[in-house]
Amino acid sequence: MAPTETETTTTPLTTLDTTTGGTPNVVDVTVHPLVLLSAADHYHRVARGTRKRAVGVLLGTVSRGSVDATNSFAVPFEEDSKNPAVFYLDHNFLENMLGMFRKVNAKERVVGFYSTGPQIRPNDLRIHALLKRFVPPGATTPPVFVIIDVRPDRQSIPTTAYRVVEEVDSGSTTTGGKKSGGGNTEVRKSFAHVPSLIGAMEAEEVGVEHLLRDINDPTVSTVANLIKAKMSGLSALTEKLVEMKDYLEAVATGSMKPNQEIIANMQAILNLLPNLNVDELVRSMLVKTNDMHMVIYLSALIRSVIALHDLVNNKIRYMDHEDGTVGGKEKKEEKSGEEKKEDGEEKKKGEDGDKKVKFKEEKKESSS
């Protein structure tokens, strides 16, 4: 199949196809566990240990802008690492798989596509344009793009969802200090972030619980799990703060255009932070921290005392066991000596009896 190329649109100002013009906006994207398992299996079968990525189609339903991805299937995909404009996606395979899935569940339709990323590639916009052909004609919500990060060291949610938006750059010329409308307007497409969720139905929750039974380690205590969760949350928070800092630095240097919505969200987040300069709050936090450290210290002492007590008891039992074995041998030897003595006395008595019987018999013979 021949590689697909993009088209650069230079038209007058038009409405954005994902926000206005009668087309509903994508509110959020819910990814089900079956999609995550299918994507992970697809990546391990096709691209494990390489720099390649796996691409597949998302199936599901859309309700009032909320996309619910309940199923997926893999698609044969190849791309040239040296030339980003060259890629291959099997259209015939995609059409055949869609026909079979419609026979199984007619309610599911194409809601987007996924990629194991872990970042956006230049070909993703081209794949999105190709996938729009397979969206049902009556559908108003455009397909979404979901990056499923299959790296095992990732601690946060492994999904990141995007929708396609159109950015309009209008150019105008000035003549004699007056603006003229002879400039061209260029419409460029780009990806905009959409909130993503991990949701599951009751049957899927039961299946996930059965899978986690083999993964969960019963030897790890609950406290260790809680500490690990806290550390994961703090690392994720640090990653997001660094990302916000990098964005603000890029905006300040002029390498990235400012987005008022993102800046407003950052300001709202900073406004929610408590004021740590209040003396009462600082004192209460110190008191609580000291109390927690005291509990940890006492727990460590009690644990050490219990361990030493168990060690002493074990040593005493071991010594008693050794003493009981030696005493048993001595008693057995004493018993065997007494038995030999009794046997000797009985043997002596038997010999004396035999002598008396012989003397009586000799006496009777002499008398006769």
Protein backbone atom coordinates (compact mmCIF):
# COMPACT_ATOMS: atom_id res chain seq x y z
CA MET A 1 0.00 0.00 0.00
CA ALA A 2 1.36 3.41 -0.92
CA PRO A 3 2.36 5.80 1.88
CA THR A 4 -0.17 8.47 2.77
CA GLU A 5 0.70 12.15 2.79
CA THR A 6 -0.93 15.09 4.54
CA GLU A 7 -2.57 18.10 2.98
CA THR A 8 -1.87 21.67 4.02
CA THR A 9 -5.05 23.70 4.05
CA THR A 10 -4.93 27.41 3.24
CA THR A 11 -8.49 28.69 3.33
CA PRO A 12 -10.45 31.59 4.79
CA LEU A 13 -11.40 31.52 8.46
CA THR A 14 -13.50 28.46 9.29
CA THR A 15 -15.11 27.10 12.43
CA LEU A 16 -13.31 24.50 14.52
CA ASP A 17 -14.71 21.06 13.80
CA THR A 18 -14.35 19.81 17.40
CA THR A 19 -15.62 22.75 19.40
CA THR A 20 -18.11 24.74 17.38
CA GLY A 21 -20.18 24.58 14.28
CA GLY A 22 -22.75 22.15 15.71
CA THR A 23 -20.17 19.46 16.52
CA PRO A 24 -20.12 18.40 20.21
CA ASN A 25 -16.92 18.72 22.12
CA VAL A 26 -15.18 15.67 23.60
CA VAL A 27 -15.64 15.92 27.37
CA ASP A 28 -13.61 12.93 28.53
CA VAL A 29 -12.42 9.49 27.47
CA THR A 30 -12.99 6.36 29.57
CA VAL A 31 -10.70 3.43 28.84
CA HIS A 32 -11.73 -0.06 30.00
CA PRO A 33 -9.34 -2.76 31.30
CA LEU A 34 -9.91 -4.93 28.22
CA VAL A 35 -8.41 -2.18 26.05
CA LEU A 36 -5.38 -1.88 28.32
CA LEU A 37 -4.78 -5.64 28.30
CA SER A 38 -5.18 -5.83 24.51
CA ALA A 39 -2.76 -2.94 23.95
CA ALA A 40 -0.15 -4.44 26.30
CA ASP A 41 -0.45 -7.84 24.61
CA HIS A 42 -0.19 -6.20 21.17
CA TYR A 43 2.96 -4.33 22.16
CA HIS A 44 4.65 -7.42 23.65
CA ARG A 45 3.87 -9.46 20.54
CA VAL A 46 4.96 -6.87 17.97
CA ALA A 47 7.30 -4.21 19.36
CA ARG A 48 8.82 -5.51 22.58
CA GLY A 49 12.53 -4.75 22.84
CA THR A 50 12.48 -2.40 19.84
CA ARG A 51 11.90 1.30 19.20
CA LYS A 52 8.69 0.56 17.31
CA ARG A 53 5.21 1.24 18.56
CA ALA A 54 1.91 -0.60 18.30
CA VAL A 55 -1.20 1.03 16.80
CA GLY A 56 -4.78 -0.18 17.05
CA VAL A 57 -8.40 0.91 16.73
CA LEU A 58 -10.66 1.78 19.66
CA LEU A 59 -14.27 0.64 19.67
CA GLY A 60 -17.04 1.80 21.96
CA THR A 61 -19.86 4.27 22.39
CA VAL A 62 -20.23 8.04 22.70
CA SER A 63 -22.80 9.76 24.89
CA ARG A 64 -23.00 13.57 25.21
CA GLY A 65 -19.34 14.02 24.41
CA SER A 66 -18.12 11.26 26.77
CA VAL A 67 -16.23 8.60 24.85
CA ASP A 68 -16.36 5.09 26.33
CA ALA A 69 -13.70 2.80 24.80
CA THR A 70 -14.83 -0.72 25.69
CA ASN A 71 -12.98 -2.79 23.08
CA SER A 72 -10.09 -2.60 20.63
CA PHE A 73 -8.17 -4.57 18.05
CA ALA A 74 -4.66 -4.37 16.65
CA VAL A 75 -3.88 -3.11 13.15
CA PRO A 76 -0.76 -3.95 11.09
CA PHE A 77 1.31 -0.78 11.18
CA GLU A 78 4.82 0.13 10.10
CA GLU A 79 6.62 3.45 9.85
CA ASP A 80 10.01 4.56 8.64
CA SER A 81 12.18 5.87 11.45
CA LYS A 82 14.31 7.92 9.05
CA ASN A 83 11.44 9.46 7.08
CA PRO A 84 8.45 10.35 9.30
CA ALA A 85 6.20 10.95 6.28
CA VAL A 86 6.29 7.28 5.26
CA PHE A 87 4.08 4.80 7.08
CA TYR A 88 1.91 1.80 6.31
CA LEU A 89 -1.51 0.96 7.70
CA ASP A 90 -3.47 -2.02 6.37
CA HIS A 91 -6.89 -0.68 5.28
CA ASN A 92 -8.21 -4.04 4.15
CA PHE A 93 -7.45 -5.66 7.49
CA LEU A 94 -9.15 -2.77 9.29
CA GLU A 95 -12.30 -3.08 7.17
CA ASN A 96 -12.51 -6.85 7.64
CA MET A 97 -12.08 -6.60 11.41
CA LEU A 98 -14.72 -3.87 11.65
CA GLY A 99 -17.17 -6.06 9.73
CA MET A 100 -16.60 -8.98 12.09
CA PHE A 101 -16.92 -6.83 15.21
CA ARG A 102 -20.19 -5.36 13.93
CA LYS A 103 -21.59 -8.86 13.65
CA VAL A 104 -20.73 -9.51 17.29
CA ASN A 105 -21.84 -6.16 18.73
CA ALA A 106 -23.57 -3.68 16.47
CA LYS A 107 -23.60 -0.94 19.12
CA GLU A 108 -19.83 -0.58 19.15
CA ARG A 109 -18.38 1.80 16.59
CA VAL A 110 -15.01 3.38 15.90
CA VAL A 111 -14.33 6.02 18.54
CA GLY A 112 -10.61 6.54 17.92
CA PHE A 113 -7.25 4.84 17.84
CA TYR A 114 -4.50 4.07 20.32
CA SER A 115 -0.73 4.07 20.22
CA THR A 116 1.91 2.85 22.65
CA GLY A 117 3.80 6.13 22.07
CA PRO A 118 4.95 7.10 24.59
CA GLN A 119 4.79 10.48 22.82
CA ILE A 120 2.92 12.02 19.92
CA ARG A 121 4.50 11.26 16.54
CA PRO A 122 4.19 13.30 13.30
CA ASN A 123 2.19 10.50 11.67
CA ASP A 124 -0.56 10.60 14.29
CA LEU A 125 -2.43 13.40 12.52
CA ARG A 126 -2.31 11.42 9.27
CA ILE A 127 -3.60 8.31 11.02
CA HIS A 128 -6.41 10.38 12.51
CA ALA A 129 -7.38 11.66 9.04
CA LEU A 130 -7.44 8.08 7.70
CA LEU A 131 -9.51 6.80 10.59
CA LYS A 132 -12.20 9.43 10.06
CA ARG A 133 -13.23 7.49 6.94
CA PHE A 134 -14.35 4.55 9.10
CA VAL A 135 -16.49 6.63 11.46
CA PRO A 136 -20.24 6.11 10.80
CA PRO A 137 -21.80 8.84 8.67
CA GLY A 138 -24.27 9.93 11.34
CA ALA A 139 -21.62 10.29 14.05
CA THR A 140 -20.91 13.86 15.16
CA THR A 141 -18.08 13.25 17.64
CA PRO A 142 -14.70 12.96 15.91
CA PRO A 143 -12.34 10.10 16.77
CA VAL A 144 -9.97 10.54 19.68
CA PHE A 145 -6.33 9.59 20.09
CA VAL A 146 -5.20 7.70 23.20
CA ILE A 147 -1.58 7.01 24.14
CA ILE A 148 -1.32 3.86 26.26
CA ASP A 149 2.03 3.77 28.04
CA VAL A 150 3.01 0.12 28.54
CA ARG A 151 6.27 0.84 30.39
CA PRO A 152 6.33 -1.09 33.69
CA ASP A 153 8.01 1.70 35.65
CA ARG A 154 5.12 4.11 35.13
CA GLN A 155 3.27 4.79 38.38
CA SER A 156 0.46 7.10 37.23
CA ILE A 157 -2.49 6.40 34.94
CA PRO A 158 -1.13 4.79 31.76
CA THR A 159 -3.53 6.58 29.39
CA THR A 160 -3.35 10.06 27.86
CA ALA A 161 -6.20 11.18 25.57
CA TYR A 162 -6.21 13.84 22.87
CA ARG A 163 -8.65 15.36 20.41
CA VAL A 164 -7.87 17.18 17.18
CA VAL A 165 -8.41 20.94 17.06
CA GLU A 166 -7.87 23.42 14.27
CA GLU A 167 -5.74 26.49 14.88
CA VAL A 168 -6.35 29.41 12.54
CA ASP A 169 -3.45 31.72 11.61
CA SER A 170 -4.68 34.70 9.62
CA GLY A 171 -2.22 36.95 7.73
CA SER A 172 -2.90 40.52 6.65
CA THR A 173 -0.84 43.22 4.92
CA THR A 174 -0.74 46.94 5.64
CA THR A 175 -0.79 49.66 2.98
CA GLY A 176 -0.30 53.31 3.97
CA GLY A 177 -0.92 52.50 7.64
CA LYS A 178 -4.22 50.74 6.87
CA LYS A 179 -4.86 47.01 7.04
CA SER A 180 -5.97 45.23 3.93
CA GLY A 181 -7.72 41.89 3.87
CA GLY A 182 -5.59 40.40 1.16
CA GLY A 183 -3.75 38.05 3.54
CA ASN A 184 -4.25 34.27 3.58
CA THR A 185 -5.62 32.26 6.47
CA GLU A 186 -3.91 28.99 7.28
CA VAL A 187 -5.71 26.26 9.24
CA ARG A 188 -3.41 23.91 11.09
CA LYS A 189 -4.48 20.84 13.01
CA SER A 190 -2.99 19.84 16.34
CA PHE A 191 -3.79 17.66 19.32
CA ALA A 192 -5.42 19.06 22.45
CA HIS A 193 -5.47 17.22 25.75
CA VAL A 194 -8.68 15.57 26.98
CA PRO A 195 -9.24 14.16 30.50
CA SER A 196 -8.89 10.37 30.53
CA LEU A 197 -10.35 7.90 33.02
CA ILE A 198 -10.02 4.20 33.79
CA GLY A 199 -13.48 2.66 34.12
CA ALA A 200 -14.82 -0.86 34.26
CA MET A 201 -18.10 -2.69 34.40
CA GLU A 202 -18.92 -5.21 37.11
CA ALA A 203 -17.85 -8.22 35.05
CA GLU A 204 -14.56 -6.53 34.16
CA GLU A 205 -13.87 -5.71 37.82
CA VAL A 206 -14.28 -9.38 38.75
CA GLY A 207 -11.87 -10.42 36.00
CA VAL A 208 -9.29 -7.84 37.04
CA GLU A 209 -9.49 -9.01 40.66
CA HIS A 210 -8.79 -12.58 39.56
CA LEU A 211 -5.78 -11.40 37.57
CA LEU A 212 -4.44 -9.37 40.49
CA ARG A 213 -4.52 -12.41 42.77
CA ASP A 214 -1.55 -13.87 40.93
CA ILE A 215 0.30 -10.54 40.88
CA ASN A 216 -0.29 -9.44 44.47
CA ASP A 217 2.46 -10.46 46.91
CA PRO A 218 0.90 -11.54 50.24
CA THR A 219 4.27 -11.25 52.04
CA VAL A 220 4.32 -7.47 51.67
CA SER A 221 2.62 -5.76 54.60
CA THR A 222 -0.08 -3.14 54.31
CA VAL A 223 2.19 -0.43 55.71
CA ALA A 224 4.74 -1.08 52.97
CA ASN A 225 2.01 -0.83 50.33
CA LEU A 226 0.81 2.47 51.79
CA ILE A 227 4.34 3.91 51.83
CA LYS A 228 4.89 2.77 48.25
CA ALA A 229 1.63 4.44 47.18
CA LYS A 230 2.67 7.68 48.90
CA MET A 231 6.04 7.63 47.15
CA SER A 232 4.38 6.99 43.79
CA GLY A 233 2.00 9.88 44.33
CA LEU A 234 4.83 12.24 45.27
CA SER A 235 6.88 11.21 42.23
CA ALA A 236 3.88 11.80 39.95
CA LEU A 237 3.33 15.22 41.56
CA THR A 238 6.98 16.10 41.01
CA GLU A 239 6.71 15.07 37.35
CA LYS A 240 3.65 17.28 36.82
CA LEU A 241 5.25 20.26 38.55
CA VAL A 242 8.35 19.94 36.37
CA GLU A 243 6.12 19.77 33.29
CA MET A 244 4.32 22.96 34.37
CA LYS A 245 7.65 24.71 34.96
CA ASP A 246 8.94 23.70 31.53
CA TYR A 247 5.75 24.98 29.89
CA LEU A 248 5.94 28.36 31.63
CA GLU A 249 9.62 28.71 30.73
CA ALA A 250 8.83 27.90 27.09
CA VAL A 251 6.05 30.52 27.08
CA ALA A 252 8.33 33.10 28.71
CA THR A 253 11.08 32.54 26.14
CA GLY A 254 8.58 32.71 23.25
CA SER A 255 9.20 29.18 21.93
CA MET A 256 5.57 28.21 22.66
CA LYS A 257 2.33 30.13 22.33
CA PRO A 258 0.53 30.87 25.61
CA ASN A 259 -2.73 29.03 26.20
CA GLN A 260 -5.01 31.02 28.48
CA GLU A 261 -6.94 27.92 29.56
CA ILE A 262 -3.77 26.16 30.74
CA ILE A 263 -2.52 29.25 32.54
CA ALA A 264 -5.91 29.69 34.24
CA ASN A 265 -5.82 26.07 35.43
CA MET A 266 -2.33 26.58 36.84
CA GLN A 267 -3.48 29.68 38.68
CA ALA A 268 -6.47 27.80 40.11
CA ILE A 269 -4.15 25.02 41.33
CA LEU A 270 -1.83 27.52 43.00
CA ASN A 271 -4.78 29.27 44.65
CA LEU A 272 -5.80 25.99 46.30
CA LEU A 273 -2.44 25.63 48.03
CA PRO A 274 -2.56 26.43 51.78
CA ASN A 275 -0.64 29.32 53.27
CA LEU A 276 2.22 27.71 55.18
CA ASN A 277 3.41 30.99 56.71
CA VAL A 278 0.74 30.93 59.45
CA ASP A 279 2.30 30.20 62.86
CA GLU A 280 -0.63 28.12 64.07
CA LEU A 281 -0.52 25.86 61.00
CA VAL A 282 3.25 25.41 61.29
CA ARG A 283 2.98 24.55 64.99
CA SER A 284 0.16 22.05 64.42
CA MET A 285 2.09 20.34 61.62
CA LEU A 286 5.17 20.07 63.85
CA VAL A 287 3.13 18.59 66.69
CA LYS A 288 1.54 16.02 64.41
CA THR A 289 4.91 15.13 62.89
CA ASN A 290 6.44 14.66 66.36
CA ASP A 291 3.54 12.46 67.43
CA MET A 292 3.91 10.28 64.36
CA HIS A 293 7.67 9.96 64.88
CA MET A 294 7.08 9.02 68.54
CA VAL A 295 4.70 6.25 67.50
CA ILE A 296 7.22 4.98 64.93
CA TYR A 297 10.02 5.06 67.55
CA LEU A 298 7.94 3.14 70.13
CA SER A 299 6.90 0.62 67.52
CA ALA A 300 10.53 0.00 66.59
CA LEU A 301 11.46 -0.48 70.27
CA ILE A 302 8.60 -2.90 70.89
CA ARG A 303 9.49 -4.84 67.78
CA SER A 304 13.12 -5.11 68.89
CA VAL A 305 12.14 -6.29 72.40
CA ILE A 306 9.79 -8.93 70.99
CA ALA A 307 12.49 -10.16 68.62
CA LEU A 308 15.02 -10.47 71.48
CA HIS A 309 12.44 -12.26 73.63
CA ASP A 310 11.77 -14.78 70.88
CA LEU A 311 15.51 -15.29 70.43
CA VAL A 312 16.01 -16.03 74.15
CA ASN A 313 13.07 -18.44 74.19
CA ASN A 314 14.44 -20.22 71.17
CA LYS A 315 17.86 -20.56 72.81
CA ILE A 316 16.33 -21.96 76.00
CA ARG A 317 14.29 -24.53 74.07
CA TYR A 318 17.36 -25.58 72.13
CA MET A 319 19.37 -26.08 75.32
CA ASP A 320 16.54 -28.03 76.98
CA HIS A 321 16.35 -30.26 73.95
CA GLU A 322 20.07 -31.01 74.14
CA ASP A 323 19.91 -31.73 77.92
CA GLY A 324 16.96 -34.05 77.51
CA THR A 325 18.82 -36.11 74.89
CA VAL A 326 21.95 -36.59 77.06
CA GLY A 327 19.92 -37.45 80.18
CA GLY A 328 17.96 -40.02 78.23
CA LYS A 329 21.17 -41.76 77.15
CA GLU A 330 22.46 -41.86 80.76
CA LYS A 331 19.17 -43.26 82.04
CA LYS A 332 19.20 -45.91 79.35
CA GLU A 333 22.74 -46.92 80.27
CA GLU A 334 21.79 -47.13 83.99
CA LYS A 335 18.75 -49.23 83.12
CA SER A 336 20.81 -51.63 81.03
CA GLY A 337 23.28 -52.03 83.96
CA GLU A 338 20.49 -52.86 86.39
CA GLU A 339 19.05 -55.38 83.99
CA LYS A 340 22.45 -57.12 83.69
CA LYS A 341 22.74 -57.28 87.47
CA GLU A 342 19.28 -58.81 87.81
CA ASP A 343 20.08 -61.35 85.09
CA GLY A 344 23.28 -62.32 86.95
CA GLU A 345 21.42 -62.81 90.22
CA GLU A 346 18.79 -64.96 88.55
CA LYS A 347 21.47 -67.02 86.85
CA LYS A 348 23.24 -67.54 90.18
CA LYS A 349 20.01 -68.61 91.85
CA GLY A 350 19.42 -71.08 89.04
CA GLU A 351 22.87 -72.60 89.48
CA ASP A 352 22.34 -72.97 93.25
CA GLY A 353 19.01 -74.72 92.61
CA ASP A 354 20.62 -77.16 90.22
CA LYS A 355 23.35 -77.99 92.77
CA LYS A 356 20.73 -78.72 95.46
CA VAL A 357 18.77 -81.02 93.13
CA LYS A 358 21.94 -82.97 92.24
CA PHE A 359 22.89 -83.35 95.95
CA LYS A 360 19.45 -84.75 96.79
CA GLU A 361 19.63 -87.27 93.96
CA GLU A 362 23.12 -88.48 95.09
CA LYS A 363 21.87 -88.80 98.68
CA LYS A 364 18.93 -90.99 97.60
CA GLU A 365 21.20 -93.27 95.57
CA SER A 366 23.60 -93.78 98.47
CA SER A 367 20.78 -94.64 100.88
CA SER A 368 19.38 -97.20 98.49
